[in-house]
Amino acid sequence: MSRTYPSLYEGFGLPVLEAMASGTAVVTSREGSLEEIAGAAALYVDPRDASAIGDAILEVVTDPARRAALVAAGQERVRAFSWEAAARQTIEVYERVAASG
């Protein structure tokens, strides 16, 4: 299974993380935050190029080894993101700001 998410702008990229967490290979764009979120765990395409999107989907569908590598990389990548980590990082920012005030 693959998930294509060729967004032109993305504030965070939660759908990419959700796809990775569910064991899905991801095809996405480098727009917005998507490259920062997906790292090396996705195939990247120009979101304005339908042919490139189709080629990437075909690659994931027809190459089981490539698909398995993307799924494994995605499941590893998603471990870097959690609500606990987000809360901890937010608290750290608040503490730094409060200490500098």
Foldseek 3Di string as FASTA:
>chain_A
DADEAADQEDQACVVLLVCLLVLHAYEYAPHHCVCVQLPPLHHHDNSVDPVRSVVRVCCLVVPVVNGNSSSVSSNVSSVVDDPVVVVVVVVVVVVVVVVVD
